[in-house]
């Protein structure tokens, strides 16, 4: 019983401080990243895919008011986190640090797996009739099953704006600018 309580405490801490953990990882990343122009082209392609998925998903989600089951939500219950994973992986590849890439791949499920579990619990409470059937048919993270035939709703730019997804796009642009600056300062562009 005590072990269960301590796991819950750790989970709450991870969820509460996940943004801080991301910032700390980002600082370590910038210290050890050794980008080149070529690696940034690869990063841009991968990050672009992740950003595209996040933009697509953000236009379908109306937090706490409607269960999103269309668009990317027909294939994965957490497309925003999948998009974030792809973005992070892209930046790790662009930074050319294999140990940082490995650390990212190991830390992501710890941090976001905990977060997804908490969100799943909340969604089951908010949508007790819809969510269980949806969860049985749609994969948690990687889109491994056939698409879900969801109920209602299409992509809405209003949702994109309300979910502030433009901030993720701006953040990615800033990271690229900083990596280009690092290349200019370090002189390792090729």
N, C-alpha and C. Protein backbone atom coordinates (compact mmCIF):
# COMPACT_ATOMS: atom_id res chain seq x y z
N UNK A 1 0.83 -1.19 0.00
CA UNK A 1 0.00 0.00 0.00
C UNK A 1 0.88 1.26 0.00
N UNK A 2 1.93 1.25 0.82
CA UNK A 2 2.81 2.41 0.90
C UNK A 2 3.55 2.62 -0.41
N UNK A 3 3.93 1.50 -1.08
CA UNK A 3 4.61 1.60 -2.35
C UNK A 3 3.71 2.26 -3.39
N UNK A 4 2.43 1.93 -3.40
CA UNK A 4 1.46 2.54 -4.31
C UNK A 4 1.39 4.04 -4.09
N UNK A 5 1.37 4.48 -2.83
CA UNK A 5 1.32 5.90 -2.50
C UNK A 5 2.57 6.63 -2.95
N UNK A 6 3.74 6.00 -2.79
CA UNK A 6 4.98 6.64 -3.21
C UNK A 6 5.05 6.74 -4.73
N UNK A 7 4.52 5.73 -5.45
CA UNK A 7 4.46 5.81 -6.91
C UNK A 7 3.57 6.96 -7.36
N UNK A 8 2.44 7.12 -6.66
CA UNK A 8 1.54 8.23 -6.98
C UNK A 8 2.19 9.57 -6.73
N UNK A 9 2.99 9.67 -5.68
CA UNK A 9 3.70 10.92 -5.38
C UNK A 9 4.72 11.24 -6.46
N UNK A 10 5.47 10.21 -6.89
CA UNK A 10 6.46 10.41 -7.95
C UNK A 10 5.76 10.81 -9.24
N UNK A 11 4.66 10.13 -9.55
CA UNK A 11 3.90 10.46 -10.76
C UNK A 11 3.42 11.90 -10.74
N UNK A 12 2.89 12.33 -9.60
CA UNK A 12 2.43 13.73 -9.49
C UNK A 12 3.58 14.71 -9.68
N UNK A 13 4.75 14.39 -9.14
CA UNK A 13 5.92 15.26 -9.30
C UNK A 13 6.36 15.33 -10.76
N UNK A 14 6.38 14.18 -11.42
CA UNK A 14 6.77 14.15 -12.84
C UNK A 14 5.80 14.99 -13.66
N UNK A 15 4.51 14.80 -13.43
CA UNK A 15 3.50 15.55 -14.20
C UNK A 15 3.64 17.05 -13.91
N UNK A 16 3.82 17.39 -12.65
CA UNK A 16 3.90 18.79 -12.27
C UNK A 16 5.14 19.48 -12.83
N UNK A 17 6.25 18.75 -12.86
CA UNK A 17 7.52 19.38 -13.26
C UNK A 17 8.02 18.94 -14.64
N UNK A 18 7.14 18.39 -15.46
CA UNK A 18 7.60 17.90 -16.76
C UNK A 18 8.13 19.03 -17.64
N UNK A 19 7.55 20.20 -17.56
CA UNK A 19 8.05 21.33 -18.37
C UNK A 19 9.44 21.74 -17.88
N UNK A 20 9.63 21.77 -16.56
CA UNK A 20 10.94 22.10 -16.00
C UNK A 20 11.97 21.05 -16.41
N UNK A 21 11.58 19.78 -16.36
CA UNK A 21 12.47 18.70 -16.77
C UNK A 21 12.85 18.88 -18.24
N UNK A 22 11.88 19.24 -19.07
CA UNK A 22 12.16 19.49 -20.49
C UNK A 22 13.15 20.63 -20.68
N UNK A 23 12.98 21.71 -19.91
CA UNK A 23 13.91 22.84 -20.00
C UNK A 23 15.32 22.43 -19.58
N UNK A 24 15.41 21.65 -18.51
CA UNK A 24 16.73 21.18 -18.06
C UNK A 24 17.38 20.28 -19.12
N UNK A 25 16.58 19.40 -19.69
CA UNK A 25 17.10 18.55 -20.77
C UNK A 25 17.56 19.43 -21.93
N UNK A 26 16.79 20.47 -22.24
CA UNK A 26 17.15 21.38 -23.32
C UNK A 26 18.49 22.07 -23.08
N UNK A 27 18.73 22.48 -21.84
CA UNK A 27 20.02 23.11 -21.51
C UNK A 27 21.17 22.14 -21.69
N UNK A 28 21.00 20.93 -21.21
CA UNK A 28 22.03 19.90 -21.38
C UNK A 28 22.23 19.64 -22.88
N UNK A 29 21.13 19.57 -23.60
CA UNK A 29 21.17 19.35 -25.04
C UNK A 29 22.02 20.41 -25.73
N UNK A 30 21.78 21.70 -25.44
CA UNK A 30 22.52 22.76 -26.11
C UNK A 30 24.00 22.73 -25.75
N UNK A 31 24.33 22.27 -24.57
CA UNK A 31 25.73 22.17 -24.17
C UNK A 31 26.45 21.09 -24.97
N UNK A 32 25.78 19.96 -25.19
CA UNK A 32 26.42 18.82 -25.83
C UNK A 32 26.12 18.68 -27.33
N UNK A 33 25.18 19.43 -27.85
CA UNK A 33 24.83 19.33 -29.27
C UNK A 33 25.99 19.79 -30.13
N UNK A 34 26.20 19.07 -31.23
CA UNK A 34 27.22 19.42 -32.20
C UNK A 34 26.60 19.42 -33.59
N UNK A 35 25.68 20.37 -33.83
CA UNK A 35 24.95 20.37 -35.11
C UNK A 35 25.83 20.77 -36.28
N UNK A 36 25.43 20.32 -37.43
CA UNK A 36 26.01 20.77 -38.70
C UNK A 36 24.84 21.21 -39.57
N UNK A 37 25.15 21.85 -40.67
CA UNK A 37 24.07 22.24 -41.57
C UNK A 37 23.33 21.01 -42.08
N UNK A 38 24.07 19.96 -42.38
CA UNK A 38 23.45 18.72 -42.86
C UNK A 38 22.55 18.11 -41.80
N UNK A 39 23.02 18.06 -40.55
CA UNK A 39 22.20 17.46 -39.49
C UNK A 39 20.95 18.30 -39.22
N UNK A 40 21.06 19.60 -39.44
CA UNK A 40 19.88 20.46 -39.24
C UNK A 40 18.85 20.28 -40.36
N UNK A 41 19.31 19.92 -41.55
CA UNK A 41 18.36 19.62 -42.62
C UNK A 41 17.58 18.36 -42.26
N UNK A 42 18.29 17.34 -41.77
CA UNK A 42 17.62 16.12 -41.32
C UNK A 42 16.66 16.46 -40.18
N UNK A 43 17.13 17.25 -39.24
CA UNK A 43 16.28 17.65 -38.10
C UNK A 43 15.04 18.38 -38.59
N UNK A 44 15.20 19.28 -39.54
CA UNK A 44 14.06 20.05 -40.04
C UNK A 44 13.00 19.13 -40.65
N UNK A 45 13.42 18.10 -41.36
CA UNK A 45 12.47 17.17 -41.96
C UNK A 45 11.71 16.39 -40.88
N UNK A 46 12.44 15.89 -39.87
CA UNK A 46 11.80 15.11 -38.81
C UNK A 46 10.94 16.02 -37.93
N UNK A 47 11.49 17.15 -37.52
CA UNK A 47 10.74 18.10 -36.69
C UNK A 47 9.49 18.58 -37.44
N UNK A 48 9.63 18.82 -38.73
CA UNK A 48 8.48 19.24 -39.53
C UNK A 48 7.35 18.22 -39.49
N UNK A 49 7.70 16.94 -39.53
CA UNK A 49 6.67 15.88 -39.42
C UNK A 49 5.98 15.94 -38.05
N UNK A 50 6.77 16.10 -37.00
CA UNK A 50 6.21 16.19 -35.65
C UNK A 50 5.34 17.43 -35.48
N UNK A 51 5.80 18.54 -36.01
CA UNK A 51 5.02 19.78 -35.94
C UNK A 51 3.73 19.64 -36.73
N UNK A 52 3.82 19.02 -37.91
CA UNK A 52 2.63 18.82 -38.71
C UNK A 52 1.59 17.99 -37.98
N UNK A 53 2.04 16.94 -37.29
CA UNK A 53 1.13 16.11 -36.52
C UNK A 53 0.50 16.91 -35.38
N UNK A 54 1.30 17.72 -34.69
CA UNK A 54 0.77 18.52 -33.58
C UNK A 54 -0.24 19.56 -34.08
N UNK A 55 0.06 20.20 -35.20
CA UNK A 55 -0.88 21.18 -35.77
C UNK A 55 -2.19 20.49 -36.13
N UNK A 56 -2.08 19.35 -36.80
CA UNK A 56 -3.26 18.58 -37.20
C UNK A 56 -4.08 18.19 -35.97
N UNK A 57 -3.42 17.68 -34.95
CA UNK A 57 -4.13 17.24 -33.74
C UNK A 57 -4.76 18.41 -32.98
N UNK A 58 -4.05 19.52 -32.91
CA UNK A 58 -4.56 20.65 -32.12
C UNK A 58 -5.84 21.23 -32.70
N UNK A 59 -6.09 21.00 -33.97
CA UNK A 59 -7.31 21.49 -34.59
C UNK A 59 -8.52 20.61 -34.32
N UNK A 60 -8.32 19.50 -33.63
CA UNK A 60 -9.43 18.58 -33.34
C UNK A 60 -9.80 18.53 -31.86
N UNK A 61 -8.97 19.08 -31.02
CA UNK A 61 -9.18 18.88 -29.58
C UNK A 61 -9.84 20.09 -28.94
N UNK A 62 -10.93 19.82 -28.26
CA UNK A 62 -11.61 20.81 -27.42
C UNK A 62 -11.53 20.27 -26.00
N UNK A 63 -10.51 20.68 -25.30
CA UNK A 63 -10.20 20.09 -24.00
C UNK A 63 -11.39 20.09 -23.05
N UNK A 64 -11.64 18.91 -22.50
CA UNK A 64 -12.64 18.68 -21.45
C UNK A 64 -14.09 18.92 -21.89
N UNK A 65 -14.33 19.25 -23.16
CA UNK A 65 -15.70 19.50 -23.59
C UNK A 65 -16.21 18.47 -24.59
N UNK A 66 -15.29 17.89 -25.36
CA UNK A 66 -15.68 16.95 -26.41
C UNK A 66 -14.53 15.97 -26.59
N UNK A 67 -14.85 14.69 -26.66
CA UNK A 67 -13.83 13.68 -26.89
C UNK A 67 -13.40 13.72 -28.36
N UNK A 68 -12.13 13.95 -28.58
CA UNK A 68 -11.59 13.99 -29.94
C UNK A 68 -11.37 12.57 -30.43
N UNK A 69 -12.03 12.20 -31.52
CA UNK A 69 -11.89 10.85 -32.09
C UNK A 69 -11.66 10.89 -33.60
N UNK A 70 -11.54 12.07 -34.16
CA UNK A 70 -11.35 12.23 -35.60
C UNK A 70 -9.93 12.70 -35.87
N UNK A 71 -9.60 12.84 -37.14
CA UNK A 71 -8.26 13.28 -37.52
C UNK A 71 -7.22 12.31 -36.96
N UNK A 72 -6.13 12.81 -36.41
CA UNK A 72 -5.10 11.91 -35.88
C UNK A 72 -5.57 11.13 -34.66
N UNK A 73 -6.61 11.63 -33.98
CA UNK A 73 -7.15 10.92 -32.81
C UNK A 73 -7.85 9.62 -33.21
N UNK A 74 -8.09 9.42 -34.49
CA UNK A 74 -8.65 8.16 -34.97
C UNK A 74 -7.58 7.07 -35.02
N UNK A 75 -6.30 7.46 -34.90
CA UNK A 75 -5.20 6.51 -35.01
C UNK A 75 -4.37 6.37 -33.74
N UNK A 76 -4.32 7.41 -32.93
CA UNK A 76 -3.59 7.38 -31.66
C UNK A 76 -4.33 8.25 -30.66
N UNK A 77 -4.38 7.79 -29.42
CA UNK A 77 -5.11 8.55 -28.40
C UNK A 77 -4.31 9.78 -27.95
N UNK A 78 -3.02 9.83 -28.27
CA UNK A 78 -2.20 10.96 -27.84
C UNK A 78 -1.32 11.48 -28.98
N UNK A 79 -1.93 12.01 -30.05
CA UNK A 79 -1.13 12.49 -31.17
C UNK A 79 -0.27 13.71 -30.84
N UNK A 80 -0.70 14.52 -29.88
CA UNK A 80 0.14 15.67 -29.51
C UNK A 80 1.44 15.20 -28.89
N UNK A 81 1.38 14.19 -28.04
CA UNK A 81 2.60 13.66 -27.43
C UNK A 81 3.44 12.90 -28.45
N UNK A 82 2.80 12.20 -29.37
CA UNK A 82 3.54 11.54 -30.43
C UNK A 82 4.27 12.59 -31.28
N UNK A 83 3.58 13.68 -31.59
CA UNK A 83 4.23 14.78 -32.32
C UNK A 83 5.40 15.35 -31.55
N UNK A 84 5.25 15.51 -30.25
CA UNK A 84 6.35 16.01 -29.41
C UNK A 84 7.52 15.05 -29.42
N UNK A 85 7.22 13.74 -29.38
CA UNK A 85 8.28 12.74 -29.43
C UNK A 85 9.06 12.85 -30.75
N UNK A 86 8.34 12.99 -31.85
CA UNK A 86 8.98 13.10 -33.16
C UNK A 86 9.82 14.39 -33.22
N UNK A 87 9.30 15.48 -32.69
CA UNK A 87 10.05 16.74 -32.65
C UNK A 87 11.33 16.57 -31.83
N UNK A 88 11.20 16.01 -30.64
CA UNK A 88 12.37 15.80 -29.79
C UNK A 88 13.41 14.91 -30.44
N UNK A 89 12.94 13.85 -31.07
CA UNK A 89 13.85 12.94 -31.77
C UNK A 89 14.56 13.67 -32.90
N UNK A 90 13.82 14.50 -33.63
CA UNK A 90 14.42 15.28 -34.71
C UNK A 90 15.52 16.20 -34.21
N UNK A 91 15.25 16.89 -33.11
CA UNK A 91 16.27 17.79 -32.57
C UNK A 91 17.48 17.00 -32.05
N UNK A 92 17.23 15.85 -31.46
CA UNK A 92 18.36 15.02 -31.00
C UNK A 92 19.22 14.59 -32.18
N UNK A 93 18.58 14.18 -33.27
CA UNK A 93 19.34 13.81 -34.46
C UNK A 93 20.11 15.01 -35.01
N UNK A 94 19.47 16.17 -34.98
CA UNK A 94 20.13 17.39 -35.45
C UNK A 94 21.31 17.79 -34.59
N UNK A 95 21.27 17.45 -33.31
CA UNK A 95 22.36 17.78 -32.39
C UNK A 95 23.53 16.82 -32.45
N UNK A 96 23.33 15.69 -33.15
CA UNK A 96 24.38 14.68 -33.36
C UNK A 96 25.02 14.18 -32.06
N UNK A 97 24.22 13.99 -31.05
CA UNK A 97 24.72 13.40 -29.80
C UNK A 97 23.93 12.12 -29.55
N UNK A 98 24.59 10.99 -29.75
CA UNK A 98 23.89 9.71 -29.64
C UNK A 98 23.47 9.41 -28.22
N UNK A 99 24.28 9.84 -27.25
CA UNK A 99 23.90 9.55 -25.86
C UNK A 99 22.71 10.41 -25.46
N UNK A 100 22.62 11.65 -25.97
CA UNK A 100 21.44 12.48 -25.69
C UNK A 100 20.20 11.90 -26.37
N UNK A 101 20.37 11.37 -27.56
CA UNK A 101 19.24 10.73 -28.25
C UNK A 101 18.76 9.54 -27.44
N UNK A 102 19.71 8.73 -26.94
CA UNK A 102 19.35 7.59 -26.10
C UNK A 102 18.66 8.02 -24.82
N UNK A 103 19.18 9.06 -24.19
CA UNK A 103 18.57 9.57 -22.96
C UNK A 103 17.15 10.06 -23.23
N UNK A 104 16.98 10.76 -24.34
CA UNK A 104 15.64 11.25 -24.71
C UNK A 104 14.68 10.09 -24.89
N UNK A 105 15.11 9.06 -25.63
CA UNK A 105 14.24 7.91 -25.90
C UNK A 105 13.88 7.19 -24.60
N UNK A 106 14.79 7.16 -23.64
CA UNK A 106 14.51 6.51 -22.35
C UNK A 106 13.65 7.39 -21.43
N UNK A 107 13.90 8.70 -21.43
CA UNK A 107 13.18 9.60 -20.52
C UNK A 107 11.76 9.91 -20.99
N UNK A 108 11.56 9.98 -22.29
CA UNK A 108 10.24 10.36 -22.80
C UNK A 108 9.12 9.47 -22.27
N UNK A 109 9.25 8.13 -22.34
CA UNK A 109 8.15 7.30 -21.82
C UNK A 109 7.97 7.45 -20.31
N UNK A 110 9.04 7.69 -19.60
CA UNK A 110 8.92 7.89 -18.15
C UNK A 110 8.10 9.14 -17.86
N UNK A 111 8.43 10.23 -18.51
CA UNK A 111 7.76 11.50 -18.24
C UNK A 111 6.36 11.53 -18.86
N UNK A 112 6.28 11.23 -20.15
CA UNK A 112 4.99 11.37 -20.82
C UNK A 112 4.10 10.15 -20.66
N UNK A 113 4.68 8.99 -20.37
CA UNK A 113 3.86 7.82 -20.06
C UNK A 113 3.05 8.08 -18.80
N UNK A 114 3.70 8.69 -17.82
CA UNK A 114 3.03 9.06 -16.57
C UNK A 114 1.93 10.08 -16.85
N UNK A 115 2.23 11.05 -17.68
CA UNK A 115 1.26 12.09 -18.02
C UNK A 115 0.08 11.50 -18.78
N UNK A 116 0.36 10.61 -19.73
CA UNK A 116 -0.72 10.00 -20.51
C UNK A 116 -1.63 9.16 -19.61
N UNK A 117 -1.03 8.46 -18.66
CA UNK A 117 -1.82 7.65 -17.73
C UNK A 117 -2.79 8.53 -16.94
N UNK A 118 -2.31 9.67 -16.47
CA UNK A 118 -3.16 10.60 -15.71
C UNK A 118 -4.26 11.17 -16.60
N UNK A 119 -3.92 11.50 -17.84
CA UNK A 119 -4.92 12.04 -18.76
C UNK A 119 -5.96 10.99 -19.13
N UNK A 120 -5.52 9.75 -19.26
CA UNK A 120 -6.46 8.66 -19.56
C UNK A 120 -7.50 8.55 -18.44
N UNK A 121 -7.03 8.64 -17.21
CA UNK A 121 -7.93 8.55 -16.06
C UNK A 121 -8.96 9.68 -16.11
N UNK A 122 -8.49 10.89 -16.40
CA UNK A 122 -9.38 12.05 -16.47
C UNK A 122 -10.41 11.89 -17.60
N UNK A 123 -9.95 11.39 -18.75
CA UNK A 123 -10.86 11.22 -19.89
C UNK A 123 -11.92 10.15 -19.60
N UNK A 124 -11.53 9.10 -18.88
CA UNK A 124 -12.52 8.07 -18.50
C UNK A 124 -13.59 8.66 -17.58
N UNK A 125 -13.18 9.61 -16.74
CA UNK A 125 -14.15 10.26 -15.84
C UNK A 125 -15.04 11.24 -16.61
N UNK A 126 -14.46 12.01 -17.53
CA UNK A 126 -15.22 13.00 -18.29
C UNK A 126 -16.16 12.37 -19.31
N UNK A 127 -15.73 11.26 -19.91
CA UNK A 127 -16.51 10.63 -20.97
C UNK A 127 -16.68 9.14 -20.66
N UNK A 128 -17.42 8.83 -19.61
CA UNK A 128 -17.51 7.43 -19.15
C UNK A 128 -18.16 6.47 -20.15
N UNK A 129 -18.98 6.96 -21.06
CA UNK A 129 -19.63 6.09 -22.02
C UNK A 129 -18.83 5.98 -23.32
N UNK A 130 -18.23 7.08 -23.76
CA UNK A 130 -17.52 7.10 -25.04
C UNK A 130 -16.10 6.57 -24.94
N UNK A 131 -15.39 6.98 -23.87
CA UNK A 131 -13.94 6.73 -23.83
C UNK A 131 -13.55 5.26 -23.78
N UNK A 132 -14.18 4.41 -22.99
CA UNK A 132 -13.75 3.01 -22.95
C UNK A 132 -13.79 2.32 -24.33
N UNK A 133 -14.84 2.56 -25.09
CA UNK A 133 -14.95 1.97 -26.44
C UNK A 133 -13.86 2.53 -27.35
N UNK A 134 -13.63 3.82 -27.26
CA UNK A 134 -12.59 4.48 -28.06
C UNK A 134 -11.22 3.91 -27.70
N UNK A 135 -10.93 3.80 -26.40
CA UNK A 135 -9.63 3.32 -25.94
C UNK A 135 -9.38 1.87 -26.36
N UNK A 136 -10.41 1.08 -26.45
CA UNK A 136 -10.25 -0.32 -26.88
C UNK A 136 -9.86 -0.41 -28.36
N UNK A 137 -10.24 0.56 -29.15
CA UNK A 137 -10.03 0.49 -30.60
C UNK A 137 -8.84 1.31 -31.10
N UNK A 138 -8.35 2.24 -30.29
CA UNK A 138 -7.29 3.13 -30.75
C UNK A 138 -6.06 2.96 -29.85
N UNK A 139 -4.90 2.83 -30.47
CA UNK A 139 -3.65 2.64 -29.74
C UNK A 139 -3.33 3.85 -28.86
N UNK A 140 -2.66 3.59 -27.77
CA UNK A 140 -2.29 4.64 -26.83
C UNK A 140 -1.37 5.68 -27.46
N UNK A 141 -0.32 5.23 -28.14
CA UNK A 141 0.70 6.16 -28.60
C UNK A 141 1.03 5.98 -30.08
N UNK A 142 1.63 4.86 -30.43
CA UNK A 142 1.96 4.62 -31.83
C UNK A 142 0.71 4.13 -32.57
N UNK A 143 0.43 4.67 -33.75
CA UNK A 143 -0.77 4.26 -34.50
C UNK A 143 -0.60 2.87 -35.09
N UNK A 144 -1.04 1.86 -34.36
CA UNK A 144 -0.83 0.47 -34.75
C UNK A 144 -2.08 -0.22 -35.27
N UNK A 145 -3.21 0.43 -35.13
CA UNK A 145 -4.48 -0.21 -35.53
C UNK A 145 -5.14 0.57 -36.65
N UNK A 146 -6.17 -0.04 -37.20
CA UNK A 146 -6.98 0.61 -38.22
C UNK A 146 -7.65 1.85 -37.61
N UNK A 147 -7.93 2.84 -38.40
CA UNK A 147 -8.53 4.08 -37.91
C UNK A 147 -9.89 3.89 -37.25
N UNK A 148 -10.13 4.67 -36.24
CA UNK A 148 -11.39 4.66 -35.49
C UNK A 148 -12.45 5.43 -36.26
N UNK A 149 -13.64 4.92 -36.29
CA UNK A 149 -14.75 5.63 -36.93
C UNK A 149 -15.41 6.49 -35.87
N UNK A 150 -14.84 7.67 -35.66
CA UNK A 150 -15.30 8.56 -34.61
C UNK A 150 -16.62 9.22 -34.90
N UNK A 151 -17.09 9.92 -33.92
CA UNK A 151 -18.40 10.54 -34.00
C UNK A 151 -18.36 11.82 -34.82
N UNK A 152 -18.12 12.91 -34.22
CA UNK A 152 -18.32 14.20 -34.88
C UNK A 152 -17.05 15.05 -34.84
N UNK A 153 -17.09 16.09 -35.65
CA UNK A 153 -16.07 17.13 -35.58
C UNK A 153 -14.96 16.97 -36.60
N UNK A 154 -14.61 18.08 -37.21
CA UNK A 154 -13.49 18.14 -38.13
C UNK A 154 -12.45 19.12 -37.61
N UNK A 155 -11.40 19.33 -38.40
CA UNK A 155 -10.34 20.27 -38.02
C UNK A 155 -10.92 21.67 -37.94
N UNK A 156 -10.58 22.38 -36.87
CA UNK A 156 -11.03 23.77 -36.71
C UNK A 156 -9.84 24.65 -36.32
N UNK A 157 -9.62 25.69 -37.10
CA UNK A 157 -8.53 26.62 -36.80
C UNK A 157 -8.74 27.27 -35.44
N UNK A 158 -9.99 27.45 -35.08
CA UNK A 158 -10.30 28.04 -33.77
C UNK A 158 -9.68 27.19 -32.65
N UNK A 159 -9.77 25.87 -32.78
CA UNK A 159 -9.16 24.98 -31.78
C UNK A 159 -7.65 25.12 -31.79
N UNK A 160 -7.07 25.19 -32.98
CA UNK A 160 -5.62 25.38 -33.12
C UNK A 160 -5.17 26.60 -32.33
N UNK A 161 -5.89 27.70 -32.48
CA UNK A 161 -5.54 28.95 -31.79
C UNK A 161 -5.78 28.81 -30.28
N UNK A 162 -6.94 28.26 -29.91
CA UNK A 162 -7.26 28.10 -28.48
C UNK A 162 -6.26 27.20 -27.77
N UNK A 163 -5.74 26.20 -28.47
CA UNK A 163 -4.77 25.28 -27.87
C UNK A 163 -3.34 25.83 -27.92
N UNK A 164 -3.19 27.03 -28.45
CA UNK A 164 -1.92 27.74 -28.47
C UNK A 164 -0.78 26.94 -29.12
N UNK A 165 -1.14 26.20 -30.14
CA UNK A 165 -0.13 25.38 -30.83
C UNK A 165 0.91 26.25 -31.55
N UNK A 166 0.55 27.47 -31.86
CA UNK A 166 1.51 28.37 -32.50
C UNK A 166 2.74 28.56 -31.62
N UNK A 167 2.61 28.42 -30.32
CA UNK A 167 3.76 28.55 -29.42
C UNK A 167 4.78 27.43 -29.65
N UNK A 168 4.30 26.24 -29.96
CA UNK A 168 5.21 25.14 -30.26
C UNK A 168 5.96 25.43 -31.56
N UNK A 169 5.27 25.97 -32.54
CA UNK A 169 5.92 26.33 -33.80
C UNK A 169 6.99 27.39 -33.58
N UNK A 170 6.68 28.39 -32.78
CA UNK A 170 7.65 29.45 -32.47
C UNK A 170 8.84 28.86 -31.71
N UNK A 171 8.54 27.99 -30.75
CA UNK A 171 9.61 27.36 -29.97
C UNK A 171 10.56 26.57 -30.84
N UNK A 172 10.02 25.82 -31.79
CA UNK A 172 10.87 25.04 -32.70
C UNK A 172 11.74 25.99 -33.54
N UNK A 173 11.16 27.09 -33.99
CA UNK A 173 11.95 28.07 -34.75
C UNK A 173 13.08 28.66 -33.93
N UNK A 174 12.83 28.92 -32.66
CA UNK A 174 13.87 29.46 -31.78
C UNK A 174 14.99 28.43 -31.58
N UNK A 175 14.61 27.16 -31.41
CA UNK A 175 15.63 26.11 -31.25
C UNK A 175 16.50 26.04 -32.50
N UNK A 176 15.89 26.08 -33.68
CA UNK A 176 16.68 26.05 -34.91
C UNK A 176 17.60 27.27 -35.00
N UNK A 177 17.10 28.44 -34.63
CA UNK A 177 17.93 29.64 -34.66
C UNK A 177 19.11 29.51 -33.71
N UNK A 178 18.89 28.97 -32.53
CA UNK A 178 19.98 28.77 -31.57
C UNK A 178 20.99 27.74 -32.07
N UNK A 179 20.51 26.70 -32.73
CA UNK A 179 21.43 25.70 -33.28
C UNK A 179 22.26 26.30 -34.42
N UNK A 180 21.63 27.14 -35.25
CA UNK A 180 22.39 27.83 -36.30
C UNK A 180 23.42 28.78 -35.70
N UNK A 181 23.05 29.45 -34.63
CA UNK A 181 23.99 30.32 -33.92
C UNK A 181 25.16 29.50 -33.36
N UNK A 182 24.85 28.35 -32.82
CA UNK A 182 25.90 27.47 -32.28
C UNK A 182 26.87 27.05 -33.39
N UNK A 183 26.33 26.73 -34.57
CA UNK A 183 27.20 26.39 -35.70
C UNK A 183 28.10 27.56 -36.04
N UNK A 184 27.52 28.76 -36.09
CA UNK A 184 28.29 29.96 -36.43
C UNK A 184 29.40 30.21 -35.41
N UNK A 185 29.09 30.04 -34.15
CA UNK A 185 30.07 30.28 -33.08
C UNK A 185 31.14 29.21 -33.06
N UNK A 186 30.72 27.94 -33.19
CA UNK A 186 31.65 26.82 -33.09
C UNK A 186 32.41 26.59 -34.40
N UNK A 187 31.85 27.09 -35.51
CA UNK A 187 32.51 26.92 -36.80
C UNK A 187 32.50 25.49 -37.30
N UNK A 188 31.47 24.70 -36.92
CA UNK A 188 31.40 23.30 -37.35
C UNK A 188 30.21 23.09 -38.28
N UNK A 189 30.14 23.84 -39.33
CA UNK A 189 28.95 23.80 -40.16
C UNK A 189 28.87 22.68 -41.19
N UNK A 190 29.95 21.97 -41.41
CA UNK A 190 29.91 20.95 -42.47
C UNK A 190 29.80 19.56 -41.94
